[in-house]
């Protein structure tokens, strides 16, 4: 250290050329003061700065680990959500297919039941028409029979006298007696 100080002191013996010169006062020179201050800061601040940097490094690493864990959790949740989505889409497709097939089945059932109902109505209509025809035929027969009976009675009444009337009654009574004997 003595050599450095001596070299600075020997510089003080030079003649100054104008306004340029060397300051030989060691404590008054800025570079030396700065180097001393920096040396002290580096020597004593090295530990503090190292601790600050280590803490910062640990916080950054912890943040990165947390981010990675969150990323992994988010990826797991995303995969689970995708699996649920696929499952829901599959179920929706099944419901859609089942719904369409159920609709088709209901449609066929409705068509079949409507067809059966129409068939029954057609049968009822035909039975009603047949019944009404039979009733009309029976009414016409009864009228014809009544008119024929009235005509026959009118003819009989006009042609019959008392003696013929008594003979017809006794013949009919005889026939009824014979029929009764045959049936007993």
Protein backbone atom coordinates (compact mmCIF):
# COMPACT_ATOMS: atom_id res chain seq x y z
CA UNK A 1 0.00 0.00 0.00
CA UNK A 2 2.90 2.25 0.63
CA UNK A 3 3.97 2.04 -3.02
CA UNK A 4 0.58 3.20 -4.18
CA UNK A 5 0.65 6.13 -1.75
CA UNK A 6 4.18 7.04 -2.76
CA UNK A 7 3.29 6.99 -6.42
CA UNK A 8 0.43 9.39 -5.77
CA UNK A 9 2.73 11.67 -3.71
CA UNK A 10 5.35 11.73 -6.41
CA UNK A 11 2.70 12.88 -8.85
CA UNK A 12 2.25 15.95 -6.69
CA UNK A 13 5.72 17.16 -7.55
CA UNK A 14 4.95 17.57 -11.19
CA UNK A 15 4.37 20.93 -12.51
CA UNK A 16 0.75 21.65 -13.26
CA UNK A 17 0.08 22.71 -16.75
CA UNK A 18 -2.61 25.30 -16.63
CA UNK A 19 -5.76 24.30 -14.85
CA UNK A 20 -5.12 20.61 -15.12
CA UNK A 21 -3.60 18.84 -12.20
CA UNK A 22 -3.70 15.91 -9.85
CA UNK A 23 -5.13 16.13 -6.40
CA UNK A 24 -2.67 14.48 -4.11
CA UNK A 25 -5.02 14.49 -1.13
CA UNK A 26 -6.08 10.87 -1.00
CA UNK A 27 -9.17 11.42 1.13
CA UNK A 28 -10.43 14.27 -1.00
CA UNK A 29 -10.44 12.40 -4.30
CA UNK A 30 -13.78 10.99 -5.45
CA UNK A 31 -12.60 7.78 -7.12
CA UNK A 32 -10.89 6.66 -3.98
CA UNK A 33 -13.86 7.58 -1.80
CA UNK A 34 -16.17 5.80 -4.15
CA UNK A 35 -13.98 2.72 -4.29
CA UNK A 36 -13.81 2.65 -0.50
CA UNK A 37 -17.56 3.08 -0.18
CA UNK A 38 -18.15 0.44 -2.82
CA UNK A 39 -15.67 -1.89 -1.15
CA UNK A 40 -17.39 -1.46 2.22
CA UNK A 41 -20.80 -1.91 0.62
CA UNK A 42 -19.66 -4.97 -1.23
CA UNK A 43 -17.95 -6.45 1.84
CA UNK A 44 -20.78 -5.80 4.27
CA UNK A 45 -23.67 -5.69 1.82
CA UNK A 46 -22.67 -8.87 0.07
CA UNK A 47 -24.42 -11.00 2.73
CA UNK A 48 -27.52 -8.80 2.83
CA UNK A 49 -27.71 -8.64 -0.94
CA UNK A 50 -27.10 -12.37 -1.16
CA UNK A 51 -29.89 -12.99 1.39
CA UNK A 52 -32.24 -10.66 -0.51
CA UNK A 53 -31.42 -12.39 -3.77
CA UNK A 54 -31.83 -15.83 -2.19
CA UNK A 55 -35.19 -14.80 -0.70
CA UNK A 56 -36.27 -13.40 -4.04
CA UNK A 57 -35.06 -16.56 -5.78
CA UNK A 58 -36.99 -18.72 -3.26
CA UNK A 59 -40.14 -16.64 -3.74
CA UNK A 60 -39.81 -16.89 -7.51
CA UNK A 61 -39.25 -20.66 -7.31
CA UNK A 62 -42.18 -21.00 -4.91
CA UNK A 63 -44.37 -18.95 -7.26
CA UNK A 64 -43.24 -21.10 -10.19
CA UNK A 65 -44.00 -24.30 -8.21
CA UNK A 66 -47.40 -22.91 -7.19
CA UNK A 67 -48.06 -21.94 -10.79
CA UNK A 68 -47.08 -25.43 -11.96
CA UNK A 69 -49.33 -27.03 -9.31
CA UNK A 70 -52.18 -24.73 -10.30
CA UNK A 71 -51.51 -25.52 -13.95
CA UNK A 72 -51.57 -29.26 -13.22
CA UNK A 73 -54.78 -28.83 -11.19
CA UNK A 74 -56.33 -26.78 -13.98
CA UNK A 75 -55.30 -29.42 -16.54
CA UNK A 76 -56.83 -32.15 -14.35
CA UNK A 77 -60.03 -30.14 -14.00
CA UNK A 78 -60.03 -29.48 -17.73
CA UNK A 79 -59.62 -33.19 -18.47
CA UNK A 80 -62.38 -34.06 -16.01
CA UNK A 81 -64.61 -31.40 -17.56
CA UNK A 82 -63.87 -32.79 -21.02
CA UNK A 83 -64.67 -36.32 -19.82
CA UNK A 84 -67.95 -35.06 -18.31
CA UNK A 85 -68.71 -33.21 -21.53
CA UNK A 86 -68.09 -36.37 -23.58
CA UNK A 87 -70.28 -38.35 -21.18
CA UNK A 88 -73.05 -35.73 -21.32
CA UNK A 89 -72.81 -35.58 -25.11
CA UNK A 90 -73.05 -39.39 -25.27
CA UNK A 91 -76.05 -39.37 -22.95
CA UNK A 92 -77.62 -36.55 -24.97
CA UNK A 93 -77.11 -38.56 -28.15
CA UNK A 94 -78.67 -41.61 -26.47
CA UNK A 95 -81.59 -39.52 -25.23
CA UNK A 96 -81.97 -38.06 -28.70
CA UNK A 97 -81.90 -41.50 -30.35
CA UNK A 98 -84.15 -42.98 -27.66
CA UNK A 99 -86.41 -39.95 -27.93
CA UNK A 100 -86.68 -40.32 -31.68
CA UNK A 101 -87.32 -44.04 -31.42
CA UNK A 102 -89.84 -43.42 -28.62
CA UNK A 103 -91.54 -40.78 -30.77
CA UNK A 104 -91.65 -43.21 -33.71
CA UNK A 105 -93.00 -45.96 -31.45
CA UNK A 106 -95.65 -43.61 -30.04
CA UNK A 107 -96.50 -42.46 -33.56
CA UNK A 108 -96.95 -46.08 -34.71
CA UNK A 109 -99.01 -46.85 -31.60
CA UNK A 110 -101.18 -43.80 -32.26
CA UNK A 111 -101.61 -44.76 -35.91
CA UNK A 112 -102.48 -48.35 -34.95
CA UNK A 113 -104.94 -47.29 -32.25
CA UNK A 114 -106.51 -44.75 -34.64
CA UNK A 115 -106.78 -47.45 -37.29
CA UNK A 116 -108.43 -49.82 -34.79
CA UNK A 117 -110.79 -47.08 -33.64
CA UNK A 118 -111.71 -46.29 -37.25
CA UNK A 119 -112.22 -49.99 -37.89
CA UNK A 120 -114.50 -50.28 -34.85
CA UNK A 121 -116.43 -47.19 -35.94
CA UNK A 122 -116.79 -48.67 -39.40
CA UNK A 123 -118.07 -51.92 -37.88
CA UNK A 124 -120.49 -50.00 -35.64
CA UNK A 125 -121.67 -48.03 -38.67
CA UNK A 126 -122.18 -51.21 -40.68
CA UNK A 127 -123.98 -52.89 -37.78
CA UNK A 128 -126.17 -49.82 -37.33
CA UNK A 129 -126.96 -49.72 -41.05
CA UNK A 130 -127.73 -53.46 -41.04
CA UNK A 131 -129.90 -53.09 -37.93
CA UNK A 132 -131.77 -50.16 -39.47
CA UNK A 133 -132.24 -52.12 -42.71
CA UNK A 134 -133.60 -55.11 -40.78
CA UNK A 135 -135.89 -52.83 -38.78
CA UNK A 136 -137.11 -51.13 -41.96
CA UNK A 137 -137.62 -54.55 -43.59
CA UNK A 138 -139.52 -55.78 -40.52
CA UNK A 139 -141.68 -52.66 -40.51
CA UNK A 140 -142.43 -53.13 -44.21
CA UNK A 141 -143.24 -56.83 -43.61
CA UNK A 142 -145.53 -55.95 -40.70
CA UNK A 143 -147.33 -53.38 -42.82
CA UNK A 144 -147.62 -55.75 -45.75
CA UNK A 145 -148.81 -58.51 -43.41
CA UNK A 146 -151.32 -56.16 -41.76
CA UNK A 147 -152.59 -54.96 -45.08
CA UNK A 148 -152.79 -58.54 -46.39
CA UNK A 149 -154.56 -59.62 -43.20
CA UNK A 150 -156.97 -56.72 -43.41
CA UNK A 151 -157.58 -57.49 -47.06
CA UNK A 152 -158.14 -61.20 -46.28
CA UNK A 153 -160.44 -60.34 -43.38
CA UNK A 154 -162.33 -57.95 -45.55
CA UNK A 155 -162.66 -60.62 -48.24
CA UNK A 156 -163.67 -63.24 -45.69
CA UNK A 157 -166.17 -60.98 -44.02
CA UNK A 158 -167.74 -60.10 -47.31
CA UNK A 159 -167.87 -63.71 -48.53
CA UNK A 160 -168.68 -65.56 -45.35
CA UNK A 161 -172.11 -66.12 -44.05
CA UNK A 162 -172.97 -67.58 -40.67
CA UNK A 163 -173.08 -71.22 -41.72
CA UNK A 164 -169.72 -71.09 -43.54
CA UNK A 165 -168.27 -69.23 -40.60
CA UNK A 166 -169.33 -71.95 -38.11
CA UNK A 167 -167.95 -74.72 -40.34
CA UNK A 168 -164.56 -72.93 -40.64
CA UNK A 169 -164.37 -72.52 -36.86
CA UNK A 170 -165.19 -76.20 -36.19
CA UNK A 171 -162.59 -77.32 -38.79
CA UNK A 172 -159.95 -75.18 -37.17
CA UNK A 173 -160.84 -76.50 -33.71
CA UNK A 174 -160.49 -80.03 -35.03
CA UNK A 175 -157.11 -79.27 -36.53
CA UNK A 176 -155.91 -77.77 -33.24
CA UNK A 177 -157.06 -80.87 -31.36
CA UNK A 178 -155.13 -83.11 -33.78
CA UNK A 179 -152.02 -80.98 -33.45
CA UNK A 180 -152.35 -81.15 -29.66
CA UNK A 181 -152.61 -84.98 -29.70
CA UNK A 182 -149.52 -85.22 -31.94
CA UNK A 183 -147.46 -82.94 -29.70
CA UNK A 184 -148.47 -84.80 -26.47
